Amino acid sequence: MDDGDAYVKVASVGDPATARICAALLESAGIPTRLHGEALGPYVMSVGDWAVTDIWVPGSTVDDAVEVLTAAEIDQTLVLADRRGAVADPGSLPMRILALVVLVILVDAVVRMLMRVS
């Protein structure tokens, strides 16, 4: 696997603790893992869709990751992702550029509003 391998979402779980267990299982099998979800932020959300955490692995390791997660028999609902869908890692460069553009637009709007008030 080269460093430029795009990450792919392989599964979603209903709580961050289970996601961390899945990540540990994958990493113990030599598969790099990234977790993404609202529940991993500074304000932990543990109910409904906010508690869902996605598990991402490099594209070249998807088959191995699915095998590890399936064999683990975790007592939590593990929803394997449709492989045709998410091929972009939320932490990838295009997403970061988009976030930067949105941030610049918002800062510009706030500055313009403050300039009118003064």
Protein backbone atom coordinates (compact mmCIF):
# COMPACT_ATOMS: atom_id res chain seq x y z
CA MET A 1 0.00 0.00 0.00
CA ASP A 2 1.45 3.37 -0.93
CA ASP A 3 0.88 6.56 1.06
CA GLY A 4 -1.36 7.99 -1.67
CA ASP A 5 -3.94 5.22 -1.33
CA ALA A 6 -7.40 6.80 -0.90
CA TYR A 7 -9.34 5.83 2.20
CA VAL A 8 -12.71 4.12 1.80
CA LYS A 9 -15.55 3.81 4.32
CA VAL A 10 -15.97 0.13 5.15
CA ALA A 11 -18.46 0.25 8.01
CA SER A 12 -20.55 2.35 10.36
CA VAL A 13 -21.24 1.51 14.00
CA GLY A 14 -23.74 2.90 16.46
CA ASP A 15 -21.36 4.17 19.11
CA PRO A 16 -17.76 5.43 19.36
CA ALA A 17 -16.61 2.74 21.82
CA THR A 18 -17.48 -0.03 19.37
CA ALA A 19 -15.82 1.92 16.58
CA ARG A 20 -12.62 2.14 18.62
CA ILE A 21 -12.74 -1.62 19.24
CA CYS A 22 -13.17 -2.23 15.50
CA ALA A 23 -10.27 0.13 14.76
CA ALA A 24 -8.09 -1.73 17.26
CA LEU A 25 -8.98 -5.06 15.62
CA LEU A 26 -8.13 -3.70 12.18
CA GLU A 27 -4.89 -2.10 13.32
CA SER A 28 -3.84 -5.32 15.07
CA ALA A 29 -4.29 -7.00 11.67
CA GLY A 30 -1.96 -4.39 10.13
CA ILE A 31 -4.71 -2.31 8.51
CA PRO A 32 -4.43 1.47 9.06
CA THR A 33 -7.75 2.90 10.25
CA ARG A 34 -9.42 6.30 10.52
CA LEU A 35 -12.61 7.01 12.46
CA HIS A 36 -15.01 9.81 11.58
CA GLY A 37 -18.20 10.84 13.37
CA GLU A 38 -19.92 13.47 15.48
CA ALA A 39 -19.42 11.37 18.60
CA LEU A 40 -15.64 11.77 18.34
CA GLY A 41 -15.64 15.54 18.73
CA PRO A 42 -15.31 17.62 21.88
CA TYR A 43 -19.05 17.31 22.60
CA VAL A 44 -19.82 13.62 22.58
CA MET A 45 -23.14 12.73 21.01
CA SER A 46 -24.35 9.31 22.01
CA VAL A 47 -27.89 9.08 20.65
CA GLY A 48 -29.41 8.64 17.22
CA ASP A 49 -27.52 9.37 14.03
CA TRP A 50 -25.07 11.62 15.90
CA ALA A 51 -23.63 8.57 17.64
CA VAL A 52 -22.80 6.81 14.37
CA THR A 53 -19.08 6.51 13.72
CA ASP A 54 -17.68 5.58 10.30
CA ILE A 55 -14.65 3.33 9.91
CA TRP A 56 -12.31 4.15 7.00
CA VAL A 57 -9.39 2.09 5.66
CA PRO A 58 -7.07 2.43 2.64
CA GLY A 59 -8.76 1.27 -0.56
CA SER A 60 -6.24 -1.50 -1.14
CA THR A 61 -7.13 -3.11 2.21
CA VAL A 62 -10.93 -3.07 1.97
CA ASP A 63 -11.36 -6.81 1.41
CA ASP A 64 -9.09 -7.67 4.34
CA ALA A 65 -10.87 -5.12 6.57
CA VAL A 66 -14.31 -6.54 5.75
CA GLU A 67 -13.02 -10.03 6.52
CA VAL A 68 -11.61 -8.93 9.90
CA LEU A 69 -14.77 -7.06 10.88
CA THR A 70 -17.06 -9.89 9.78
CA ALA A 71 -15.03 -12.49 11.70
CA ALA A 72 -15.02 -10.34 14.85
CA GLU A 73 -18.72 -10.99 15.60
CA ILE A 74 -19.13 -7.73 17.47
CA ASP A 75 -22.24 -7.49 19.66
CA GLN A 76 -23.17 -4.19 18.06
CA THR A 77 -24.87 -3.45 14.80
CA LEU A 78 -22.10 -3.18 12.25
CA VAL A 79 -23.27 -1.79 8.92
CA LEU A 80 -20.80 -2.57 6.18
CA ALA A 81 -20.63 0.27 3.67
CA ASP A 82 -21.63 -0.02 0.06
CA ARG A 83 -18.24 -0.04 -1.68
CA ARG A 84 -19.53 1.83 -4.72
CA GLY A 85 -20.23 4.95 -2.67
CA ALA A 86 -17.69 6.66 -0.47
CA VAL A 87 -14.27 6.71 -2.01
CA ALA A 88 -13.11 10.05 -0.62
CA ASP A 89 -11.73 10.39 2.85
CA PRO A 90 -13.44 13.28 4.69
CA GLY A 91 -10.00 14.40 5.80
CA SER A 92 -8.68 14.53 2.23
CA LEU A 93 -7.31 17.65 0.57
CA PRO A 94 -10.44 18.59 -1.49
CA MET A 95 -12.62 18.47 1.64
CA ARG A 96 -10.12 20.59 3.54
CA ILE A 97 -10.02 23.14 0.72
CA LEU A 98 -13.82 23.27 0.68
CA ALA A 99 -13.88 23.80 4.45
CA LEU A 100 -11.33 26.61 4.09
CA VAL A 101 -13.40 28.34 1.38
CA VAL A 102 -16.54 28.14 3.52
CA LEU A 103 -14.64 29.52 6.50
CA VAL A 104 -13.28 32.45 4.45
CA ILE A 105 -16.79 33.28 3.19
CA LEU A 106 -18.18 33.21 6.73
CA VAL A 107 -15.39 35.39 8.12
CA ASP A 108 -15.87 37.85 5.26
CA ALA A 109 -19.61 38.06 6.02
CA VAL A 110 -18.96 38.69 9.72
CA VAL A 111 -16.36 41.38 8.96
CA ARG A 112 -18.72 43.14 6.54
CA MET A 113 -21.52 43.03 9.13
CA LEU A 114 -19.24 44.50 11.79
CA MET A 115 -18.09 47.23 9.39
CA ARG A 116 -21.72 48.31 8.87
CA VAL A 117 -22.39 48.46 12.60
CA SER A 118 -19.37 50.71 13.28
